[in-house]
């Protein structure tokens, strides 16, 4: 499942980076995440989008099916 929720440790392991590097990516919002009760969470989809260089809001669009107009919705 691409939207699986990961801890900071799991995310760092997936990207093969240190805890500190992952924390910095989350704190600077380079990778979206949430601090819930003092513990960071992100998703596999966010990590794959970051590595692929594809904005997360566009990652849900299949092929050329993206909506680029109308109320700034991003994906259909």
PDB file of N, CA and C in Angstrom:
ATOM      1  N   UNK A   1       0.848  -1.179   0.000  1.00  0.00           N
ATOM      2  CA  UNK A   1       0.000   0.000   0.000  1.00  0.00           C
ATOM      3  C   UNK A   1       0.891   1.239   0.000  1.00  0.00           C
ATOM      4  N   UNK A   2       0.704   2.120  -0.998  1.00  0.00           N
ATOM      5  CA  UNK A   2       1.552   3.297  -1.145  1.00  0.00           C
ATOM      6  C   UNK A   2       1.324   4.349  -0.079  1.00  0.00           C
ATOM      7  N   UNK A   3       0.172   4.351   0.554  1.00  0.00           N
ATOM      8  CA  UNK A   3      -0.095   5.375   1.554  1.00  0.00           C
ATOM      9  C   UNK A   3       0.185   4.876   2.971  1.00  0.00           C
ATOM     10  N   UNK A   4       0.915   3.779   3.092  1.00  0.00           N
ATOM     11  CA  UNK A   4       1.240   3.248   4.407  1.00  0.00           C
ATOM     12  C   UNK A   4       1.940   4.298   5.261  1.00  0.00           C
ATOM     13  N   UNK A   5       1.518   4.422   6.501  1.00  0.00           N
ATOM     14  CA  UNK A   5       2.094   5.411   7.415  1.00  0.00           C
ATOM     15  C   UNK A   5       3.363   4.842   8.035  1.00  0.00           C
ATOM     16  N   UNK A   6       4.402   5.681   8.061  1.00  0.00           N
ATOM     17  CA  UNK A   6       5.710   5.267   8.565  1.00  0.00           C
ATOM     18  C   UNK A   6       6.159   6.159   9.711  1.00  0.00           C
ATOM     19  N   UNK A   7       6.917   5.580  10.628  1.00  0.00           N
ATOM     20  CA  UNK A   7       7.597   6.367  11.649  1.00  0.00           C
ATOM     21  C   UNK A   7       8.834   6.992  11.012  1.00  0.00           C
ATOM     22  N   UNK A   8       9.463   7.910  11.719  1.00  0.00           N
ATOM     23  CA  UNK A   8      10.676   8.535  11.196  1.00  0.00           C
ATOM     24  C   UNK A   8      11.783   7.494  10.999  1.00  0.00           C
ATOM     25  N   UNK A   9      11.838   6.516  11.887  1.00  0.00           N
ATOM     26  CA  UNK A   9      12.852   5.471  11.771  1.00  0.00           C
ATOM     27  C   UNK A   9      12.613   4.613  10.528  1.00  0.00           C
ATOM     28  N   UNK A  10      11.356   4.252  10.284  1.00  0.00           N
ATOM     29  CA  UNK A  10      11.011   3.453   9.101  1.00  0.00           C
ATOM     30  C   UNK A  10      11.270   4.241   7.823  1.00  0.00           C
ATOM     31  N   UNK A  11      10.928   5.538   7.846  1.00  0.00           N
ATOM     32  CA  UNK A  11      11.151   6.388   6.678  1.00  0.00           C
ATOM     33  C   UNK A  11      12.647   6.540   6.394  1.00  0.00           C
ATOM     34  N   UNK A  12      13.438   6.747   7.439  1.00  0.00           N
ATOM     35  CA  UNK A  12      14.889   6.870   7.268  1.00  0.00           C
ATOM     36  C   UNK A  12      15.468   5.586   6.705  1.00  0.00           C
ATOM     37  N   UNK A  13      14.993   4.462   7.187  1.00  0.00           N
ATOM     38  CA  UNK A  13      15.466   3.172   6.683  1.00  0.00           C
ATOM     39  C   UNK A  13      15.092   2.992   5.210  1.00  0.00           C
ATOM     40  N   UNK A  14      13.876   3.377   4.858  1.00  0.00           N
ATOM     41  CA  UNK A  14      13.428   3.244   3.470  1.00  0.00           C
ATOM     42  C   UNK A  14      14.290   4.086   2.527  1.00  0.00           C
ATOM     43  N   UNK A  15      14.656   5.298   2.959  1.00  0.00           N
ATOM     44  CA  UNK A  15      15.495   6.170   2.126  1.00  0.00           C
ATOM     45  C   UNK A  15      16.983   5.892   2.293  1.00  0.00           C
ATOM     46  N   UNK A  16      17.310   5.028   3.264  1.00  0.00           N
ATOM     47  CA  UNK A  16      18.708   4.691   3.549  1.00  0.00           C
ATOM     48  C   UNK A  16      19.515   5.930   3.945  1.00  0.00           C
ATOM     49  N   UNK A  17      18.904   6.697   4.868  1.00  0.00           N
ATOM     50  CA  UNK A  17      19.548   7.887   5.427  1.00  0.00           C
ATOM     51  C   UNK A  17      19.480   7.797   6.947  1.00  0.00           C
ATOM     52  N   UNK A  18      20.209   8.669   7.612  1.00  0.00           N
ATOM     53  CA  UNK A  18      20.195   8.683   9.071  1.00  0.00           C
ATOM     54  C   UNK A  18      18.896   9.298   9.598  1.00  0.00           C
ATOM     55  N   UNK A  19      18.647   9.047  10.856  1.00  0.00           N
ATOM     56  CA  UNK A  19      17.504   9.642  11.549  1.00  0.00           C
ATOM     57  C   UNK A  19      17.568  11.161  11.447  1.00  0.00           C
ATOM     58  N   UNK A  20      18.775  11.719  11.615  1.00  0.00           N
ATOM     59  CA  UNK A  20      18.949  13.176  11.582  1.00  0.00           C
ATOM     60  C   UNK A  20      18.621  13.753  10.212  1.00  0.00           C
ATOM     61  N   UNK A  21      19.044  13.078   9.152  1.00  0.00           N
ATOM     62  CA  UNK A  21      18.737  13.548   7.794  1.00  0.00           C
ATOM     63  C   UNK A  21      17.229  13.510   7.568  1.00  0.00           C
ATOM     64  N   UNK A  22      16.588  12.426   7.978  1.00  0.00           N
ATOM     65  CA  UNK A  22      15.138  12.301   7.802  1.00  0.00           C
ATOM     66  C   UNK A  22      14.407  13.377   8.588  1.00  0.00           C
ATOM     67  N   UNK A  23      14.826  13.616   9.818  1.00  0.00           N
ATOM     68  CA  UNK A  23      14.215  14.652  10.641  1.00  0.00           C
ATOM     69  C   UNK A  23      14.336  16.013   9.965  1.00  0.00           C
ATOM     70  N   UNK A  24      15.494  16.310   9.417  1.00  0.00           N
ATOM     71  CA  UNK A  24      15.698  17.584   8.729  1.00  0.00           C
ATOM     72  C   UNK A  24      14.782  17.707   7.512  1.00  0.00           C
ATOM     73  N   UNK A  25      14.613  16.625   6.759  1.00  0.00           N
ATOM     74  CA  UNK A  25      13.716  16.654   5.597  1.00  0.00           C
ATOM     75  C   UNK A  25      12.275  16.933   6.024  1.00  0.00           C
ATOM     76  N   UNK A  26      11.874  16.383   7.152  1.00  0.00           N
ATOM     77  CA  UNK A  26      10.526  16.627   7.668  1.00  0.00           C
ATOM     78  C   UNK A  26      10.383  18.044   8.221  1.00  0.00           C
ATOM     79  N   UNK A  27      11.377  18.490   8.980  1.00  0.00           N
ATOM     80  CA  UNK A  27      11.309  19.829   9.584  1.00  0.00           C
ATOM     81  C   UNK A  27      11.308  20.938   8.547  1.00  0.00           C
ATOM     82  N   UNK A  28      12.002  20.729   7.429  1.00  0.00           N
ATOM     83  CA  UNK A  28      12.062  21.738   6.371  1.00  0.00           C
ATOM     84  C   UNK A  28      10.941  21.572   5.352  1.00  0.00           C
ATOM     85  N   UNK A  29      10.063  20.594   5.597  1.00  0.00           N
ATOM     86  CA  UNK A  29       8.910  20.310   4.721  1.00  0.00           C
ATOM     87  C   UNK A  29       9.314  19.859   3.325  1.00  0.00           C
ATOM     88  N   UNK A  30      10.558  19.399   3.157  1.00  0.00           N
ATOM     89  CA  UNK A  30      10.929  18.818   1.865  1.00  0.00           C
ATOM     90  C   UNK A  30      10.153  17.530   1.640  1.00  0.00           C
ATOM     91  N   UNK A  31       9.891  16.835   2.738  1.00  0.00           N
ATOM     92  CA  UNK A  31       9.016  15.669   2.721  1.00  0.00           C
ATOM     93  C   UNK A  31       7.874  15.979   3.684  1.00  0.00           C
ATOM     94  N   UNK A  32       6.622  15.859   3.223  1.00  0.00           N
ATOM     95  CA  UNK A  32       5.509  16.151   4.111  1.00  0.00           C
ATOM     96  C   UNK A  32       5.369  15.109   5.205  1.00  0.00           C
ATOM     97  N   UNK A  33       5.009  15.568   6.378  1.00  0.00           N
ATOM     98  CA  UNK A  33       4.788  14.689   7.509  1.00  0.00           C
ATOM     99  C   UNK A  33       4.061  15.436   8.603  1.00  0.00           C
ATOM    100  N   UNK A  34       3.729  14.723   9.643  1.00  0.00           N
ATOM    101  CA  UNK A  34       3.038  15.319  10.791  1.00  0.00           C
ATOM    102  C   UNK A  34       3.716  14.865  12.067  1.00  0.00           C
ATOM    103  N   UNK A  35       3.817  15.787  12.999  1.00  0.00           N
ATOM    104  CA  UNK A  35       4.322  15.462  14.323  1.00  0.00           C
ATOM    105  C   UNK A  35       3.099  15.221  15.190  1.00  0.00           C
ATOM    106  N   UNK A  36       2.894  13.968  15.555  1.00  0.00           N
ATOM    107  CA  UNK A  36       1.714  13.581  16.325  1.00  0.00           C
ATOM    108  C   UNK A  36       2.183  13.117  17.697  1.00  0.00           C
ATOM    109  N   UNK A  37       1.852  13.859  18.712  1.00  0.00           N
ATOM    110  CA  UNK A  37       2.246  13.495  20.062  1.00  0.00           C
ATOM    111  C   UNK A  37       3.751  13.388  20.245  1.00  0.00           C
ATOM    112  N   UNK A  38       4.491  14.220  19.536  1.00  0.00           N
ATOM    113  CA  UNK A  38       5.941  14.224  19.654  1.00  0.00           C
ATOM    114  C   UNK A  38       6.649  13.193  18.780  1.00  0.00           C
ATOM    115  N   UNK A  39       5.887  12.498  17.939  1.00  0.00           N
ATOM    116  CA  UNK A  39       6.458  11.477  17.054  1.00  0.00           C
ATOM    117  C   UNK A  39       6.095  11.801  15.611  1.00  0.00           C
ATOM    118  N   UNK A  40       7.101  11.851  14.740  1.00  0.00           N
ATOM    119  CA  UNK A  40       6.875  12.166  13.336  1.00  0.00           C
ATOM    120  C   UNK A  40       6.312  10.977  12.586  1.00  0.00           C
ATOM    121  N   UNK A  41       5.420  11.269  11.634  1.00  0.00           N
ATOM    122  CA  UNK A  41       4.846  10.281  10.730  1.00  0.00           C
ATOM    123  C   UNK A  41       4.850  10.852   9.320  1.00  0.00           C
ATOM    124  N   UNK A  42       5.072   9.988   8.348  1.00  0.00           N
ATOM    125  CA  UNK A  42       4.962  10.334   6.943  1.00  0.00           C
ATOM    126  C   UNK A  42       4.433   9.103   6.224  1.00  0.00           C
ATOM    127  N   UNK A  43       4.327   9.160   4.912  1.00  0.00           N
ATOM    128  CA  UNK A  43       3.807   8.014   4.161  1.00  0.00           C
ATOM    129  C   UNK A  43       4.819   7.537   3.127  1.00  0.00           C
ATOM    130  N   UNK A  44       4.667   6.288   2.729  1.00  0.00           N
ATOM    131  CA  UNK A  44       5.511   5.753   1.655  1.00  0.00           C
ATOM    132  C   UNK A  44       5.321   6.565   0.379  1.00  0.00           C
ATOM    133  N   UNK A  45       4.081   6.965   0.122  1.00  0.00           N
ATOM    134  CA  UNK A  45       3.798   7.748  -1.084  1.00  0.00           C
ATOM    135  C   UNK A  45       4.576   9.057  -1.079  1.00  0.00           C
ATOM    136  N   UNK A  46       4.682   9.706   0.083  1.00  0.00           N
ATOM    137  CA  UNK A  46       5.431  10.958   0.190  1.00  0.00           C
ATOM    138  C   UNK A  46       6.910  10.728  -0.094  1.00  0.00           C
ATOM    139  N   UNK A  47       7.455   9.621   0.401  1.00  0.00           N
ATOM    140  CA  UNK A  47       8.875   9.325   0.178  1.00  0.00           C
ATOM    141  C   UNK A  47       9.154   9.010  -1.282  1.00  0.00           C
ATOM    142  N   UNK A  48       8.298   8.204  -1.897  1.00  0.00           N
ATOM    143  CA  UNK A  48       8.497   7.854  -3.309  1.00  0.00           C
ATOM    144  C   UNK A  48       8.366   9.093  -4.183  1.00  0.00           C
ATOM    145  N   UNK A  49       7.395   9.949  -3.884  1.00  0.00           N
ATOM    146  CA  UNK A  49       7.232  11.197  -4.641  1.00  0.00           C
ATOM    147  C   UNK A  49       8.465  12.078  -4.514  1.00  0.00           C
ATOM    148  N   UNK A  50       9.027  12.157  -3.310  1.00  0.00           N
ATOM    149  CA  UNK A  50      10.226  12.958  -3.074  1.00  0.00           C
ATOM    150  C   UNK A  50      11.401  12.417  -3.897  1.00  0.00           C
ATOM    151  N   UNK A  51      11.618  11.119  -3.850  1.00  0.00           N
ATOM    152  CA  UNK A  51      12.742  10.513  -4.582  1.00  0.00           C
ATOM    153  C   UNK A  51      12.537  10.652  -6.092  1.00  0.00           C
ATOM    154  N   UNK A  52      11.299  10.477  -6.543  1.00  0.00           N
ATOM    155  CA  UNK A  52      11.002  10.594  -7.975  1.00  0.00           C
ATOM    156  C   UNK A  52      11.031  12.039  -8.466  1.00  0.00           C
ATOM    157  N   UNK A  53      10.969  12.995  -7.527  1.00  0.00           N
ATOM    158  CA  UNK A  53      10.951  14.403  -7.912  1.00  0.00           C
ATOM    159  C   UNK A  53       9.597  14.852  -8.429  1.00  0.00           C
ATOM    160  N   UNK A  54       8.546  14.130  -8.036  1.00  0.00           N
ATOM    161  CA  UNK A  54       7.188  14.452  -8.464  1.00  0.00           C
ATOM    162  C   UNK A  54       6.451  15.069  -7.282  1.00  0.00           C
ATOM    163  N   UNK A  55       5.872  16.247  -7.455  1.00  0.00           N
ATOM    164  CA  UNK A  55       5.118  16.845  -6.345  1.00  0.00           C
ATOM    165  C   UNK A  55       4.042  15.886  -5.853  1.00  0.00           C
ATOM    166  N   UNK A  56       3.909  15.769  -4.548  1.00  0.00           N
ATOM    167  CA  UNK A  56       2.982  14.807  -3.955  1.00  0.00           C
ATOM    168  C   UNK A  56       1.563  14.990  -4.450  1.00  0.00           C
ATOM    169  N   UNK A  57       1.095  16.210  -4.577  1.00  0.00           N
ATOM    170  CA  UNK A  57      -0.282  16.428  -5.008  1.00  0.00           C
ATOM    171  C   UNK A  57      -0.524  15.934  -6.426  1.00  0.00           C
ATOM    172  N   UNK A  58       0.525  15.778  -7.224  1.00  0.00           N
ATOM    173  CA  UNK A  58       0.376  15.285  -8.581  1.00  0.00           C
ATOM    174  C   UNK A  58       0.629  13.781  -8.671  1.00  0.00           C
ATOM    175  N   UNK A  59       1.171  13.193  -7.640  1.00  0.00           N
ATOM    176  CA  UNK A  59       1.529  11.780  -7.668  1.00  0.00           C
ATOM    177  C   UNK A  59       0.306  10.880  -7.790  1.00  0.00           C
ATOM    178  N   UNK A  60      -0.869  11.387  -7.443  1.00  0.00           N
ATOM    179  CA  UNK A  60      -2.072  10.555  -7.492  1.00  0.00           C
ATOM    180  C   UNK A  60      -2.670  10.495  -8.885  1.00  0.00           C
ATOM    181  N   UNK A  61      -2.197  11.324  -9.791  1.00  0.00           N
ATOM    182  CA  UNK A  61      -2.776  11.398 -11.126  1.00  0.00           C
ATOM    183  C   UNK A  61      -2.221  10.298 -12.019  1.00  0.00           C
ATOM    184  N   UNK A  62      -3.087   9.495 -12.614  1.00  0.00           N
ATOM    185  CA  UNK A  62      -2.619   8.453 -13.528  1.00  0.00           C
ATOM    186  C   UNK A  62      -2.293   9.031 -14.900  1.00  0.00           C
ATOM    187  N   UNK A  63      -1.048   8.913 -15.311  1.00  0.00           N
ATOM    188  CA  UNK A  63      -0.627   9.340 -16.647  1.00  0.00           C
ATOM    189  C   UNK A  63      -0.999  10.760 -16.973  1.00  0.00           C
ATOM    190  N   UNK A  64      -1.713  10.935 -18.091  1.00  0.00           N
ATOM    191  CA  UNK A  64      -2.091  12.281 -18.541  1.00  0.00           C
ATOM    192  C   UNK A  64      -3.496  12.661 -18.084  1.00  0.00           C
ATOM    193  N   UNK A  65      -3.975  12.043 -17.019  1.00  0.00           N
ATOM    194  CA  UNK A  65      -5.332  12.279 -16.538  1.00  0.00           C
ATOM    195  C   UNK A  65      -5.411  13.420 -15.525  1.00  0.00           C
ATOM    196  N   UNK A  66      -4.319  14.158 -15.308  1.00  0.00           N
ATOM    197  CA  UNK A  66      -4.323  15.221 -14.305  1.00  0.00           C
ATOM    198  C   UNK A  66      -5.200  16.388 -14.713  1.00  0.00           C
ATOM    199  N   UNK A  67      -5.844  16.953 -13.725  1.00  0.00           N
ATOM    200  CA  UNK A  67      -6.600  18.183 -13.921  1.00  0.00           C
ATOM    201  C   UNK A  67      -5.670  19.335 -13.578  1.00  0.00           C
ATOM    202  N   UNK A  68      -5.366  20.179 -14.529  1.00  0.00           N
ATOM    203  CA  UNK A  68      -4.498  21.309 -14.265  1.00  0.00           C
ATOM    204  C   UNK A  68      -5.264  22.612 -14.230  1.00  0.00           C
ATOM    205  N   UNK A  69      -6.550  22.535 -14.441  1.00  0.00           N
ATOM    206  CA  UNK A  69      -7.344  23.760 -14.392  1.00  0.00           C
ATOM    207  C   UNK A  69      -8.513  23.580 -13.435  1.00  0.00           C
ATOM    208  N   UNK A  70      -9.070  24.691 -13.053  1.00  0.00           N
ATOM    209  CA  UNK A  70     -10.273  24.655 -12.250  1.00  0.00           C
ATOM    210  C   UNK A  70     -10.048  24.543 -10.752  1.00  0.00           C
ATOM    211  N   UNK A  71     -10.168  25.640 -10.072  1.00  0.00           N
ATOM    212  CA  UNK A  71     -10.162  25.727  -8.614  1.00  0.00           C
ATOM    213  C   UNK A  71      -8.920  25.148  -7.968  1.00  0.00           C
ATOM    214  N   UNK A  72      -7.840  24.979  -8.724  1.00  0.00           N
ATOM    215  CA  UNK A  72      -6.590  24.509  -8.160  1.00  0.00           C
ATOM    216  C   UNK A  72      -6.676  23.168  -7.455  1.00  0.00           C
ATOM    217  N   UNK A  73      -7.501  22.286  -7.951  1.00  0.00           N
ATOM    218  CA  UNK A  73      -7.718  21.011  -7.290  1.00  0.00           C
ATOM    219  C   UNK A  73      -6.558  20.034  -7.466  1.00  0.00           C
ATOM    220  N   UNK A  74      -5.760  20.176  -8.497  1.00  0.00           N
ATOM    221  CA  UNK A  74      -4.643  19.253  -8.695  1.00  0.00           C
ATOM    222  C   UNK A  74      -5.079  17.980  -9.371  1.00  0.00           C
ATOM    223  N   UNK A  75      -5.516  17.013  -8.629  1.00  0.00           N
ATOM    224  CA  UNK A  75      -5.915  15.707  -9.181  1.00  0.00           C
ATOM    225  C   UNK A  75      -7.411  15.577  -9.275  1.00  0.00           C
ATOM    226  N   UNK A  76      -7.835  14.810 -10.243  1.00  0.00           N
ATOM    227  CA  UNK A  76      -9.285  14.560 -10.420  1.00  0.00           C
ATOM    228  C   UNK A  76      -9.757  13.523  -9.433  1.00  0.00           C
TER     229      UNK A  76
END
